[in-house]
Amino acid sequence: MKESIIGIDLGTTNSEVSIIEGGRARVIGDETGRRILPSVVGIAEDGTLLVGEPARNQYILYPERTVRSIKRKMGSEERVDLAGQIYTPQEISAIILKRLKAIAEADLGHPIQKAVITVPAYFSDAQRQATREAGEIAGLEVVRMINEPTAAALAYEAGHQGQRRIMVYDLGGGTFDVSVVSMEDAVVEVLASHGNNSLGGDDFDDKIVIFLTDHLKAHHGVDVRDSRRIMARLRRIAETAKIVLSDAPFVRIEEAYLAEKNGDPVHLSVELSREDYEALIAPFIEETLAAVHIALKGAGLTASAIDEVLLVGGSTRTPLVSQRLKKIMGKEPRGEVDPDLCVTMGAAIQGGMIAGEEVSAVLVDVTPYTFGTSALGMLHGGFSPHCFVPIIHKNNPIPVTKTEAFQTCTDYQKNVEVKVYQGEDPDATHNTLIGEFMIEGLSPVPAGNVVLVRLALDSDGILHVTSVEKSTGLEKSITIHGAVSHLKGTELTTARDRIYSLFGEQDVATIPSPTVGAVAAESSHHHSVIQARALVEKAERSIENISEEDRDEIINLIETIRDTLAASKFDDLKEPVEQLSDILYYLES
C-alpha cells in the first residue's frame, strides 16, 4: 500500500488539505463537511483551544485572544500574544497544520506523516524555512514545498495535452503571485514569477475599514480606531461587504450598537457601491498588473503569446480583477476551478507523484530571486567592494547548482569573506544579505588565487553555499535557511511540546479543551449590556428570513438574554450571547 501524502495550502485567510484518490485530487472536509478552514487560532475564556471557524467567530468579541493572518509574519522574528502567552509565527501556523492533519486522518482512517505544503512563489528563503519548521512542529514531514501558482497550474491543467503558455494570477488573502508557466503534455515548467508577500484581500478589507471609521467620525463624531473589539467587528463587516460586492453593485453595511457617544448607542448604517469600493482598491490592482508585466518580461513573452490566464485565490472574485486582466491580456481569465481550492489540489497532485500515484503532470519549478555574492568591481563610476555578482539568476529552474570563480585581491591573502545576497540590484548593499562566512587559511600566494563559490538551491528553496580554494581544495560550507534567525534543535522540540500541550491528550480530530495561559479579564458589565442588546436587535431584524427550527432557537435565546438583562445577572450573559452570535454568523455565511 502506497503511503498517503497530503497536499496543504497554508493560506493567509484560509487553509485546505487534500489527497490523491484514483489519480484525482479530492479536497478533504472536516467532520461537518466544511472544506475550508479559516487560518485563525484562538484561546477561549475557559482555555479551550480554538482553530478555524470557532476562532474566527471569537475574533469579533475577543481579538486579544485570537490570532489571524499569521502567514504575513512567517520568516520574521516577530512574536504574537495569544491570551497572555507569546508564540512564534511557526507555532501558530503549526496549530493550523496540526488541525488539517487531524482532519485528513479522521477522513482517511489512518495516521498521516507526510505532506506537500504550498508557499507563495515570492516567499523568501526565511519564509520557506519557517513554513518547514511549522510542519515539523505539527508532526509532519514536509516532503516538498511548491509555489502556489505552480500548484494551481497543476490543478487546472493536469491531464490536458498539447503545448500552452499559461499565466497564473494568484491573489489571496495576504499574498500575491503571478507566474508564467509552460505546459507541454505532462510537463509543467515555470518560466518566470513575480509578486508581493504583503498584498492581498486583507488590504482590501483595510480600505473598507478606513471608509467605515471615517464615516463614523464624520457622521457620528466618534473615533473607534483605538478599540480593538470595535475594529475587529468592523473588519468582519468589511470582509462580508467585500464578498457581497463581488456579485452586487451595492452593499448596505449595518451594525447596531457598534459604539457609544455620551452614553447613547451609535449604530452604523452606510451604503458602499462597487464603483467606490473598486476606486479604493484600484492602486492595489494596478500594482498586481505591474507585476504581470515584470513576469512577462522575465519569461521573454508578450501578452499575446499567453494562451490562458488562470485565476487563483479568493480575492480574484473581485470583478475589477478580471476586467483589468482581460483588457491587458486580451483574453477572458479562466476561473472554473474554485480559486480557493485549486492550490491545495495541485499540492495533492505533487504529493501523489512523490508517493508513486498515477498522475498526469511533471513539475519543473523556478527560483523567483537572484542569488549571488559581492566582489570588487566597477560601480557607479568607481571601484567598489560591493558589486553584486549574480550566481543563480532569477527564474532558473530548480533544483539548480551554479559556481563562479573569484580571485584574491592582495598578495598572500589568508582569508576571504563570502557574503551571500538575494536581490536584483547591482549594488549588493541594496539587496538582502541572507548569509555570510569566512574561509580562512588560504595558501600564501600572490594575488589572483582562485576561490570558487558554489550555490545550490534545492527544490524547497533552501540555499547551500560552498566556497573552495581551487588550488588546494580547502573548503567551507554553510546552509542558508533565511535572512533572519530561525528555530533550531531544542527550540523546535520546545515549540512542538507547547503546541502538543495545547491539543492535550484528546483525539486531535476533534478540537480539545485544555487550559493554557492566563484568562483575560471579563468585560465590564456596561459593555456586556450594550453588546447583548445589539445582538438581540440584529437577531430580531433577521428572524423573518430563516427556517422555523432556527427561528424557535433564536427566539428562545432572545428571551433568555432579555430575562438575564432584566434580572441584572450580567455574569450569566456570556453563554446565550455566544450561542446567538454563533447562530447568526452561520446563517449569514
Protein backbone atom coordinates (compact mmCIF):
# COMPACT_ATOMS: atom_id res chain seq x y z
CA MET A 1 0.00 0.00 0.00
CA LYS A 2 1.39 3.38 -1.01
CA GLU A 3 1.96 5.91 1.75
CA SER A 4 -0.52 8.79 1.76
CA ILE A 5 0.99 12.24 1.21
CA ILE A 6 -1.47 15.04 1.78
CA GLY A 7 -1.40 18.39 0.00
CA ILE A 8 -1.81 21.51 2.12
CA ASP A 9 -2.49 25.09 1.12
CA LEU A 10 -1.45 27.05 4.22
CA GLY A 11 -3.13 30.35 3.40
CA THR A 12 -3.23 33.77 4.98
CA THR A 13 -7.01 33.79 5.29
CA ASN A 14 -7.99 30.15 4.76
CA SER A 15 -6.25 26.78 4.59
CA GLU A 16 -7.20 23.48 2.99
CA VAL A 17 -5.99 19.86 2.83
CA SER A 18 -6.39 17.37 0.00
CA ILE A 19 -5.39 13.89 -1.15
CA ILE A 20 -5.00 11.98 -4.42
CA GLU A 21 -7.55 9.21 -4.89
CA GLY A 22 -7.82 7.29 -8.13
CA GLY A 23 -5.48 9.75 -9.83
CA ARG A 24 -7.66 12.75 -8.93
CA ALA A 25 -7.32 15.35 -6.22
CA ARG A 26 -10.01 15.47 -3.53
CA VAL A 27 -10.28 18.31 -1.02
CA ILE A 28 -10.97 16.82 2.42
CA GLY A 29 -13.75 18.24 4.56
CA ASP A 30 -13.93 18.29 8.35
CA GLU A 31 -16.49 16.44 10.45
CA THR A 32 -19.19 18.87 9.27
CA GLY A 33 -18.17 18.62 5.60
CA ARG A 34 -16.60 22.09 5.51
CA ARG A 35 -13.57 22.05 3.20
CA ILE A 36 -12.16 25.49 4.02
CA LEU A 37 -10.52 26.09 7.40
CA PRO A 38 -10.10 29.75 8.38
CA SER A 39 -6.43 30.36 9.25
CA VAL A 40 -7.33 31.67 12.68
CA VAL A 41 -6.25 30.41 16.11
CA GLY A 42 -7.71 31.43 19.44
CA ILE A 43 -7.99 30.58 23.11
CA ALA A 44 -11.47 30.74 24.64
CA GLU A 45 -12.14 32.22 28.07
CA ASP A 46 -12.05 28.76 29.65
CA GLY A 47 -8.73 27.96 27.99
CA THR A 48 -10.18 25.87 25.15
CA LEU A 49 -8.05 25.87 22.01
CA LEU A 50 -9.99 27.19 19.01
CA VAL A 51 -8.87 26.57 15.44
CA GLY A 52 -10.68 27.67 12.30
CA GLU A 53 -14.31 28.76 12.36
CA PRO A 54 -14.70 28.93 16.18
CA ALA A 55 -11.59 31.12 16.42
CA ARG A 56 -12.82 33.30 13.58
CA ASN A 57 -16.13 33.76 15.38
CA GLN A 58 -14.35 34.67 18.61
CA TYR A 59 -12.20 37.32 16.93
CA ILE A 60 -15.08 39.82 16.91
CA LEU A 61 -15.53 39.68 20.66
CA TYR A 62 -12.04 38.84 21.88
CA PRO A 63 -9.35 39.88 19.37
CA GLU A 64 -6.77 39.83 22.18
CA ARG A 65 -7.25 36.05 22.45
CA THR A 66 -7.22 35.43 18.71
CA VAL A 67 -4.52 35.43 16.01
CA ARG A 68 -5.24 35.80 12.29
CA SER A 69 -3.17 36.35 9.11
CA ILE A 70 -0.10 34.78 10.74
CA LYS A 71 1.29 33.94 7.30
CA ARG A 72 2.34 37.56 6.85
CA LYS A 73 4.70 37.20 9.84
CA MET A 74 6.33 33.95 8.72
CA GLY A 75 10.09 34.23 8.42
CA SER A 76 10.27 37.21 10.76
CA GLU A 77 11.43 37.40 14.35
CA GLU A 78 8.11 38.94 15.37
CA ARG A 79 6.14 37.18 18.09
CA VAL A 80 2.40 37.23 18.77
CA ASP A 81 0.48 37.40 22.02
CA LEU A 82 -2.27 34.83 22.34
CA ALA A 83 -4.24 35.02 25.60
CA GLY A 84 -1.22 36.18 27.55
CA GLN A 85 1.21 33.67 26.05
CA ILE A 86 3.88 34.57 23.46
CA TYR A 87 4.20 32.39 20.37
CA THR A 88 6.34 32.37 17.23
CA PRO A 89 4.65 32.52 13.81
CA GLN A 90 5.81 28.93 13.27
CA GLU A 91 3.94 27.76 16.36
CA ILE A 92 0.68 29.42 15.33
CA SER A 93 0.99 28.01 11.81
CA ALA A 94 1.76 24.61 13.32
CA ILE A 95 -1.57 24.67 15.17
CA ILE A 96 -3.36 25.21 11.84
CA LEU A 97 -1.31 22.45 10.19
CA LYS A 98 -1.98 20.06 13.05
CA ARG A 99 -5.71 20.67 12.72
CA LEU A 100 -5.52 19.99 8.96
CA LYS A 101 -3.54 16.83 9.65
CA ALA A 102 -6.23 15.69 12.09
CA ILE A 103 -8.99 16.40 9.56
CA ALA A 104 -7.20 14.25 6.98
CA GLU A 105 -6.58 11.43 9.47
CA ALA A 106 -10.21 11.38 10.55
CA ASP A 107 -11.35 11.21 6.92
CA LEU A 108 -8.83 8.63 5.73
CA GLY A 109 -8.88 6.50 8.87
CA HIS A 110 -5.13 6.20 9.36
CA PRO A 111 -2.21 8.37 10.56
CA ILE A 112 -0.62 10.87 8.21
CA GLN A 113 3.08 11.62 8.46
CA LYS A 114 3.97 13.39 5.21
CA ALA A 115 2.76 16.46 3.37
CA VAL A 116 3.42 18.75 0.44
CA ILE A 117 2.87 22.36 1.53
CA THR A 118 2.47 25.27 -0.86
CA VAL A 119 4.07 28.69 -0.42
CA PRO A 120 3.84 31.93 -2.43
CA ALA A 121 6.31 31.93 -5.31
CA TYR A 122 7.82 35.12 -3.93
CA PHE A 123 8.34 33.72 -0.41
CA SER A 124 11.90 34.32 0.73
CA ASP A 125 14.24 31.61 1.95
CA ALA A 126 13.48 32.61 5.55
CA GLN A 127 9.74 32.34 4.99
CA ARG A 128 10.09 28.93 3.37
CA GLN A 129 12.22 27.68 6.22
CA ALA A 130 9.69 28.95 8.76
CA THR A 131 6.96 27.05 6.89
CA ARG A 132 9.02 23.87 7.03
CA GLU A 133 9.56 24.36 10.76
CA ALA A 134 5.83 24.80 11.28
CA GLY A 135 5.29 21.46 9.58
CA GLU A 136 7.87 19.79 11.82
CA ILE A 137 6.27 21.24 14.93
CA ALA A 138 2.90 19.89 13.75
CA GLY A 139 4.37 16.40 13.39
CA LEU A 140 4.57 16.43 9.60
CA GLU A 141 7.48 15.57 7.36
CA VAL A 142 7.36 18.24 4.67
CA VAL A 143 8.48 16.18 1.70
CA ARG A 144 8.22 19.10 -0.70
CA MET A 145 7.26 22.75 -0.81
CA ILE A 146 5.98 24.08 -4.13
CA ASN A 147 4.94 27.50 -5.26
CA GLU A 148 1.23 28.25 -5.09
CA PRO A 149 0.84 29.34 -8.75
CA THR A 150 2.61 26.16 -9.83
CA ALA A 151 0.23 24.06 -7.75
CA ALA A 152 -2.73 25.90 -9.26
CA ALA A 153 -1.48 25.20 -12.79
CA LEU A 154 -1.28 21.51 -11.93
CA ALA A 155 -4.87 21.56 -10.68
CA TYR A 156 -6.20 23.35 -13.76
CA GLU A 157 -4.19 21.58 -16.40
CA ALA A 158 -3.45 18.04 -15.19
CA GLY A 159 -4.37 15.61 -17.95
CA HIS A 160 -4.52 18.19 -20.76
CA GLN A 161 -2.45 17.51 -23.86
CA GLY A 162 -0.55 19.83 -26.18
CA GLN A 163 1.61 22.87 -25.55
CA ARG A 164 0.29 26.03 -23.91
CA ARG A 165 1.72 29.06 -22.18
CA ILE A 166 -0.28 29.98 -19.11
CA MET A 167 -0.30 32.92 -16.75
CA VAL A 168 -1.35 32.12 -13.18
CA TYR A 169 -2.66 35.20 -11.35
CA ASP A 170 -2.85 34.34 -7.65
CA LEU A 171 -4.36 36.99 -5.38
CA GLY A 172 -5.06 35.58 -1.95
CA GLY A 173 -5.85 36.99 1.45
CA GLY A 174 -2.37 38.20 2.24
CA THR A 175 -0.03 37.48 -0.66
CA PHE A 176 0.08 37.99 -4.42
CA ASP A 177 1.95 35.98 -7.06
CA VAL A 178 1.93 35.89 -10.82
CA SER A 179 3.71 33.14 -12.73
CA VAL A 180 4.19 32.39 -16.41
CA VAL A 181 4.01 28.64 -16.97
CA SER A 182 4.77 26.50 -19.98
CA MET A 183 2.81 23.24 -20.23
CA GLU A 184 3.51 20.58 -22.81
CA ASP A 185 1.76 17.25 -22.45
CA ALA A 186 2.63 16.10 -18.90
CA VAL A 187 5.37 18.64 -18.18
CA VAL A 188 4.78 21.83 -16.20
CA GLU A 189 7.60 24.39 -16.32
CA VAL A 190 7.52 27.75 -14.58
CA LEU A 191 9.24 30.32 -16.81
CA ALA A 192 9.03 33.36 -14.53
CA SER A 193 7.44 34.56 -11.29
CA HIS A 194 6.90 37.87 -9.57
CA GLY A 195 4.79 39.08 -6.69
CA ASN A 196 4.35 40.74 -3.32
CA ASN A 197 4.26 38.90 0.01
CA SER A 198 2.27 41.70 1.65
CA LEU A 199 -0.58 42.33 -0.77
CA GLY A 200 -3.97 40.66 -0.78
CA GLY A 201 -7.57 40.64 0.31
CA ASP A 202 -6.63 41.77 3.82
CA ASP A 203 -5.56 45.07 2.29
CA PHE A 204 -8.93 45.36 0.54
CA ASP A 205 -10.62 44.84 3.91
CA ASP A 206 -8.43 47.54 5.43
CA LYS A 207 -9.62 50.05 2.85
CA ILE A 208 -13.25 49.34 3.71
CA VAL A 209 -12.47 49.58 7.44
CA ILE A 210 -10.91 53.02 6.87
CA PHE A 211 -14.00 54.04 4.89
CA LEU A 212 -16.19 52.94 7.82
CA THR A 213 -14.12 54.63 10.54
CA ASP A 214 -14.09 57.84 8.52
CA HIS A 215 -17.87 57.62 8.17
CA LEU A 216 -18.34 57.12 11.92
CA LYS A 217 -16.14 60.09 12.69
CA ALA A 218 -17.76 62.38 10.12
CA HIS A 219 -21.40 61.47 10.78
CA HIS A 220 -21.40 60.45 14.45
CA GLY A 221 -18.37 62.25 15.86
CA VAL A 222 -16.81 59.06 17.27
CA ASP A 223 -13.30 57.75 16.69
CA VAL A 224 -13.23 53.99 17.21
CA ARG A 225 -9.71 53.27 15.98
CA ASP A 226 -8.33 52.70 19.47
CA SER A 227 -10.87 49.99 20.32
CA ARG A 228 -9.59 46.56 19.33
CA ARG A 229 -13.00 44.99 19.68
CA ILE A 230 -14.80 47.56 17.56
CA MET A 231 -12.07 47.38 14.92
CA ALA A 232 -12.39 43.58 14.92
CA ARG A 233 -16.14 43.90 14.35
CA LEU A 234 -15.52 46.38 11.54
CA ARG A 235 -13.03 44.03 9.92
CA ARG A 236 -15.58 41.21 9.87
CA ILE A 237 -18.20 43.59 8.48
CA ALA A 238 -15.73 44.79 5.83
CA GLU A 239 -14.91 41.25 4.74
CA THR A 240 -18.61 40.44 4.37
CA ALA A 241 -19.20 43.64 2.37
CA LYS A 242 -16.29 42.81 0.07
CA ILE A 243 -17.77 39.40 -0.68
CA VAL A 244 -21.21 40.87 -1.40
CA LEU A 245 -19.70 43.41 -3.80
CA SER A 246 -18.30 40.59 -5.92
CA ASP A 247 -21.87 39.88 -7.05
CA ALA A 248 -23.80 43.08 -6.35
CA PRO A 249 -23.29 46.74 -7.32
CA PHE A 250 -24.06 48.00 -3.79
CA VAL A 251 -23.98 46.76 -0.22
CA ARG A 252 -25.72 48.21 2.83
CA ILE A 253 -23.36 47.95 5.77
CA GLU A 254 -25.24 47.92 9.07
CA GLU A 255 -24.19 47.13 12.61
CA ALA A 256 -26.25 48.08 15.66
CA TYR A 257 -24.71 49.26 18.93
CA LEU A 258 -21.26 49.47 17.42
CA ALA A 259 -20.10 52.20 19.80
CA GLU A 260 -21.31 54.77 22.33
CA LYS A 261 -21.31 58.54 22.49
CA ASN A 262 -22.33 60.39 25.64
CA GLY A 263 -23.96 57.21 26.91
CA ASP A 264 -26.06 56.73 23.78
CA PRO A 265 -25.54 53.85 21.34
CA VAL A 266 -24.08 54.54 17.91
CA HIS A 267 -25.45 52.44 15.05
CA LEU A 268 -23.55 52.03 11.80
CA SER A 269 -25.58 52.27 8.59
CA VAL A 270 -23.93 53.24 5.32
CA GLU A 271 -24.03 52.16 1.71
CA LEU A 272 -20.93 51.29 -0.29
CA SER A 273 -21.05 50.93 -4.05
CA ARG A 274 -18.89 48.57 -6.02
CA GLU A 275 -17.65 51.55 -8.01
CA ASP A 276 -16.47 53.34 -4.86
CA TYR A 277 -15.01 50.13 -3.44
CA GLU A 278 -13.07 49.43 -6.61
CA ALA A 279 -11.76 53.01 -6.57
CA LEU A 280 -10.43 52.29 -3.06
CA ILE A 281 -8.56 49.17 -4.12
CA ALA A 282 -7.55 50.26 -7.64
CA PRO A 283 -3.94 51.09 -6.61
CA PHE A 284 -3.51 47.53 -5.32
CA ILE A 285 -4.87 46.05 -8.55
CA GLU A 286 -2.58 48.27 -10.62
CA GLU A 287 0.37 47.06 -8.55
CA THR A 288 -0.51 43.47 -9.41
CA LEU A 289 -0.73 44.36 -13.10
CA ALA A 290 2.73 45.91 -12.95
CA ALA A 291 3.91 42.54 -11.60
CA VAL A 292 2.19 40.85 -14.56
CA HIS A 293 4.34 42.87 -16.98
CA ILE A 294 7.50 42.06 -15.00
CA ALA A 295 6.70 38.33 -15.13
CA LEU A 296 6.03 38.50 -18.87
CA LYS A 297 9.34 40.27 -19.40
CA GLY A 298 11.12 37.68 -17.27
CA ALA A 299 9.68 34.92 -19.44
CA GLY A 300 10.57 36.78 -22.63
CA LEU A 301 6.95 36.80 -23.78
CA THR A 302 4.27 39.30 -24.73
CA ALA A 303 0.66 39.24 -23.53
CA SER A 304 -0.48 37.93 -26.92
CA ALA A 305 1.77 34.88 -26.50
CA ILE A 306 -0.17 33.73 -23.43
CA ASP A 307 -2.82 31.10 -24.22
CA GLU A 308 -4.64 31.04 -20.87
CA VAL A 309 -4.95 33.25 -17.80
CA LEU A 310 -5.86 31.31 -14.64
CA LEU A 311 -7.40 32.96 -11.59
CA VAL A 312 -6.31 31.69 -8.17
CA GLY A 313 -7.18 32.96 -4.69
CA GLY A 314 -10.46 34.21 -3.28
CA SER A 315 -9.63 37.86 -3.93
CA THR A 316 -9.77 37.24 -7.69
CA ARG A 317 -13.56 37.16 -7.35
CA THR A 318 -13.44 40.97 -7.30
CA PRO A 319 -14.81 41.87 -10.78
CA LEU A 320 -12.21 44.59 -11.31
CA VAL A 321 -9.50 41.91 -11.39
CA SER A 322 -11.00 40.05 -14.35
CA GLN A 323 -11.85 43.29 -16.14
CA ARG A 324 -8.33 44.69 -15.94
CA LEU A 325 -6.69 41.38 -16.79
CA LYS A 326 -8.92 40.93 -19.82
CA LYS A 327 -8.02 44.42 -21.01
CA ILE A 328 -4.24 43.98 -20.81
CA MET A 329 -4.06 40.28 -21.74
CA GLY A 330 -6.68 40.35 -24.50
CA LYS A 331 -8.49 37.25 -23.24
CA GLU A 332 -11.05 36.28 -20.62
CA PRO A 333 -9.40 34.83 -17.49
CA ARG A 334 -10.44 31.32 -16.51
CA GLY A 335 -11.92 30.71 -13.08
CA GLU A 336 -13.88 27.48 -13.43
CA VAL A 337 -11.79 25.68 -10.79
CA ASP A 338 -12.66 27.00 -7.34
CA PRO A 339 -9.97 29.68 -6.75
CA ASP A 340 -9.95 28.83 -3.04
CA LEU A 341 -9.27 25.13 -3.61
CA CYS A 342 -7.10 24.77 -6.70
CA VAL A 343 -3.82 25.33 -4.83
CA THR A 344 -4.37 22.53 -2.34
CA MET A 345 -5.48 20.26 -5.21
CA GLY A 346 -2.20 20.96 -7.00
CA ALA A 347 -0.29 20.18 -3.81
CA ALA A 348 -2.10 16.84 -3.62
CA ILE A 349 -1.14 16.10 -7.22
CA GLN A 350 2.50 16.76 -6.37
CA GLY A 351 2.17 14.57 -3.28
CA GLY A 352 0.68 11.81 -5.39
CA MET A 353 3.63 11.97 -7.78
CA ILE A 354 6.07 11.62 -4.90
CA ALA A 355 4.07 8.72 -3.46
CA GLY A 356 4.13 6.91 -6.81
CA GLU A 357 0.50 7.50 -7.73
CA GLU A 358 -0.54 7.59 -11.38
CA VAL A 359 -0.95 11.32 -12.04
CA SER A 360 -0.61 13.26 -15.24
CA ALA A 361 1.82 16.09 -14.65
CA VAL A 362 5.54 16.56 -14.02
CA LEU A 363 6.74 19.63 -12.17
CA VAL A 364 9.59 21.93 -13.10
CA ASP A 365 9.78 24.91 -10.73
CA VAL A 366 11.91 28.08 -10.75
CA THR A 367 13.51 30.41 -8.27
CA PRO A 368 11.80 33.82 -8.03
CA TYR A 369 15.00 35.51 -6.84
CA THR A 370 18.57 36.08 -7.97
CA PHE A 371 21.23 34.86 -5.54
CA GLY A 372 24.84 35.97 -5.61
CA THR A 373 27.76 37.44 -3.73
CA SER A 374 29.72 40.68 -3.60
CA ALA A 375 33.11 41.41 -5.09
CA LEU A 376 35.45 44.27 -6.02
CA GLY A 377 34.47 45.90 -9.30
CA MET A 378 33.20 48.98 -11.06
CA LEU A 379 30.09 50.50 -9.51
CA HIS A 380 28.65 54.00 -10.08
CA GLY A 381 31.75 55.08 -11.98
CA GLY A 382 34.34 53.86 -9.46
CA PHE A 383 35.79 50.76 -7.82
CA SER A 384 33.70 49.31 -5.02
CA PRO A 385 33.89 46.13 -2.90
CA HIS A 386 30.09 45.92 -3.02
CA CYS A 387 29.49 44.94 -6.64
CA PHE A 388 26.75 42.33 -6.77
CA VAL A 389 27.76 39.24 -8.76
CA PRO A 390 24.72 37.08 -9.64
CA ILE A 391 25.37 33.34 -9.47
CA ILE A 392 21.89 31.81 -9.62
CA HIS A 393 19.72 34.04 -11.74
CA LYS A 394 16.04 34.70 -11.17
CA ASN A 395 13.70 32.28 -12.99
CA ASN A 396 16.28 29.47 -13.10
CA PRO A 397 14.64 26.02 -12.93
CA ILE A 398 15.21 24.36 -9.55
CA PRO A 399 16.92 22.41 -8.16
CA VAL A 400 19.94 24.25 -9.57
CA THR A 401 23.65 24.46 -8.79
CA LYS A 402 25.87 27.26 -10.12
CA THR A 403 29.52 28.10 -9.49
CA GLU A 404 31.54 31.25 -10.09
CA ALA A 405 35.30 31.84 -9.79
CA PHE A 406 36.79 34.78 -7.88
CA GLN A 407 40.38 35.87 -7.29
CA THR A 408 42.11 37.27 -4.24
CA CYS A 409 42.97 40.97 -4.46
CA THR A 410 46.18 41.14 -2.46
CA ASP A 411 49.40 39.12 -2.21
CA TYR A 412 49.48 36.36 0.43
CA GLN A 413 45.84 36.94 1.32
CA LYS A 414 44.94 34.41 4.03
CA ASN A 415 41.19 34.94 4.42
CA VAL A 416 38.19 35.63 2.18
CA GLU A 417 34.81 36.77 3.47
CA VAL A 418 31.91 35.37 1.48
CA LYS A 419 28.62 37.27 1.69
CA VAL A 420 25.52 35.87 0.01
CA TYR A 421 22.77 38.21 -1.15
CA GLN A 422 19.27 37.84 -2.53
CA GLY A 423 18.08 40.53 -4.93
CA GLU A 424 18.49 42.23 -8.27
CA ASP A 425 20.36 45.49 -7.55
CA PRO A 426 23.92 45.87 -8.90
CA ASP A 427 24.87 47.37 -5.52
CA ALA A 428 24.99 44.39 -3.15
CA THR A 429 24.25 46.58 -0.13
CA HIS A 430 20.83 47.33 -1.64
CA ASN A 431 19.97 43.61 -1.72
CA THR A 432 19.12 41.31 1.19
CA LEU A 433 22.10 39.78 2.99
CA ILE A 434 20.99 36.21 3.76
CA GLY A 435 24.25 34.64 4.93
CA GLU A 436 27.99 35.13 5.36
CA PHE A 437 31.07 33.20 6.43
CA MET A 438 34.85 33.37 6.34
CA ILE A 439 37.11 30.93 4.53
CA GLU A 440 40.43 31.00 6.36
CA GLY A 441 43.93 29.58 5.86
CA LEU A 442 44.33 30.25 2.15
CA SER A 443 47.66 29.42 0.56
CA PRO A 444 50.30 32.21 0.92
CA VAL A 445 50.49 33.03 -2.78
CA PRO A 446 50.41 36.24 -4.85
CA ALA A 447 47.14 37.97 -5.71
CA GLY A 448 44.98 36.05 -8.13
CA ASN A 449 44.47 32.92 -6.03
CA VAL A 450 41.23 31.40 -7.36
CA VAL A 451 38.36 30.78 -4.95
CA LEU A 452 35.23 29.05 -6.23
CA VAL A 453 31.82 29.92 -4.82
CA ARG A 454 29.11 27.34 -5.45
CA LEU A 455 25.42 27.96 -4.75
CA ALA A 456 22.98 25.05 -4.75
CA LEU A 457 19.28 25.83 -4.45
CA ASP A 458 17.17 22.77 -3.66
CA SER A 459 13.55 22.05 -4.51
CA ASP A 460 12.35 23.62 -1.25
CA GLY A 461 14.11 26.92 -1.92
CA ILE A 462 16.84 26.27 0.69
CA LEU A 463 20.27 27.52 -0.35
CA HIS A 464 23.53 25.60 0.20
CA VAL A 465 26.74 27.61 -0.20
CA THR A 466 30.24 26.18 -0.63
CA SER A 467 33.50 28.09 -1.06
CA VAL A 468 36.59 26.20 -2.24
CA GLU A 469 40.21 27.26 -2.78
CA LYS A 470 40.79 25.85 -6.25
CA SER A 471 44.47 25.00 -5.81
CA THR A 472 44.19 23.09 -2.51
CA GLY A 473 40.57 22.06 -2.13
CA LEU A 474 40.27 23.96 1.15
CA GLU A 475 36.51 24.17 1.66
CA LYS A 476 33.94 25.92 3.82
CA SER A 477 30.21 25.29 3.54
CA ILE A 478 27.02 26.63 5.07
CA THR A 479 23.31 26.06 4.59
CA ILE A 480 21.32 29.28 4.50
CA HIS A 481 17.86 28.93 6.00
CA GLY A 482 16.97 32.60 5.87
CA ALA A 483 17.95 36.21 6.31
CA VAL A 484 16.82 36.15 9.96
CA SER A 485 17.27 33.72 12.80
CA HIS A 486 15.11 30.59 12.82
CA LEU A 487 14.24 27.80 15.18
CA LYS A 488 16.91 25.19 15.88
CA GLY A 489 17.30 21.97 17.83
CA THR A 490 15.79 22.30 21.27
CA GLU A 491 13.75 25.32 20.14
CA LEU A 492 11.85 23.10 17.69
CA THR A 493 11.36 20.45 20.37
CA THR A 494 10.14 23.03 22.86
CA ALA A 495 7.77 24.53 20.29
CA ARG A 496 6.42 21.08 19.43
CA ASP A 497 5.84 20.32 23.12
CA ARG A 498 3.99 23.63 23.58
CA ILE A 499 1.70 23.02 20.63
CA TYR A 500 1.00 19.42 21.59
CA SER A 501 0.16 20.56 25.11
CA LEU A 502 -2.47 22.84 23.62
CA PHE A 503 -4.08 19.88 21.86
CA GLY A 504 -3.73 17.74 25.01
CA GLU A 505 -4.41 14.02 25.15
CA GLN A 506 -7.69 14.09 23.21
CA ASP A 507 -8.03 12.80 19.68
CA VAL A 508 -6.88 15.77 17.62
CA ALA A 509 -9.53 15.06 15.02
CA THR A 510 -11.78 16.92 17.42
CA ILE A 511 -10.59 20.17 18.90
CA PRO A 512 -9.67 19.56 22.54
CA SER A 513 -10.14 21.81 25.52
CA PRO A 514 -7.00 22.18 27.63
CA THR A 515 -6.42 25.18 29.82
CA VAL A 516 -3.42 27.31 28.87
CA GLY A 517 -2.09 30.66 29.99
CA ALA A 518 -3.84 33.35 31.89
CA VAL A 519 -7.50 34.03 31.14
CA ALA A 520 -8.15 37.64 30.15
CA ALA A 521 -10.32 39.73 32.47
CA GLU A 522 -14.07 39.80 31.96
CA SER A 523 -15.50 42.73 30.03
CA SER A 524 -17.27 45.37 32.04
CA HIS A 525 -20.98 44.84 32.73
CA HIS A 526 -21.76 48.04 30.87
CA HIS A 527 -20.12 46.80 27.70
CA SER A 528 -21.79 43.38 28.03
CA VAL A 529 -25.21 45.02 28.20
CA ILE A 530 -24.55 47.13 25.09
CA GLN A 531 -23.27 44.08 23.23
CA ALA A 532 -26.21 41.89 24.25
CA ARG A 533 -28.78 44.50 23.22
CA ALA A 534 -27.10 45.00 19.85
CA LEU A 535 -27.14 41.26 19.22
CA VAL A 536 -30.82 40.98 20.15
CA GLU A 537 -31.72 43.83 17.81
CA LYS A 538 -29.77 42.24 14.98
CA ALA A 539 -31.45 38.87 15.60
CA GLU A 540 -34.90 40.44 15.51
CA ARG A 541 -34.14 42.04 12.13
CA SER A 542 -33.07 38.67 10.70
CA ILE A 543 -35.77 36.44 12.15
CA GLU A 544 -38.29 36.72 9.31
CA ASN A 545 -35.98 35.19 6.69
CA ILE A 546 -34.93 31.99 8.44
CA SER A 547 -36.32 28.50 8.93
CA GLU A 548 -38.83 27.67 11.65
CA GLU A 549 -36.35 25.49 13.52
CA ASP A 550 -33.69 28.20 13.63
CA ARG A 551 -36.33 30.82 14.41
CA ASP A 552 -37.51 28.94 17.51
CA GLU A 553 -33.95 28.61 18.80
CA ILE A 554 -33.23 32.30 18.19
CA ILE A 555 -36.45 33.38 19.92
CA ASN A 556 -35.57 31.26 22.95
CA LEU A 557 -32.10 32.81 23.13
CA ILE A 558 -33.52 36.33 22.76
CA GLU A 559 -35.89 35.69 25.65
CA THR A 560 -33.07 34.25 27.76
CA ILE A 561 -30.91 37.31 27.14
CA ARG A 562 -33.76 39.69 27.92
CA ASP A 563 -34.62 37.83 31.14
CA THR A 564 -30.96 37.90 32.17
CA LEU A 565 -30.72 41.63 31.50
CA ALA A 566 -33.94 42.30 33.40
CA ALA A 567 -32.60 40.37 36.39
CA SER A 568 -29.23 42.20 36.16
CA LYS A 569 -27.46 38.81 36.10
CA PHE A 570 -24.71 40.17 33.88
CA ASP A 571 -22.31 37.31 34.56
CA ASP A 572 -24.86 34.92 33.00
CA LEU A 573 -24.93 36.77 29.67
CA LYS A 574 -21.86 35.13 28.17
CA GLU A 575 -23.30 31.75 27.16
CA PRO A 576 -26.58 32.84 25.47
CA VAL A 577 -24.82 35.77 23.75
CA GLU A 578 -22.16 33.46 22.31
CA GLN A 579 -24.78 30.93 21.20
CA LEU A 580 -26.85 33.60 19.48
CA SER A 581 -23.76 35.14 17.89
CA ASP A 582 -22.70 31.75 16.51
CA ILE A 583 -26.16 31.05 15.04
CA LEU A 584 -26.37 34.44 13.35
CA TYR A 585 -22.89 34.13 11.91
CA TYR A 586 -23.53 30.69 10.45
CA LEU A 587 -26.83 31.88 8.96
CA GLU A 588 -25.02 34.78 7.29
CA SER A 589 -22.20 32.61 5.91
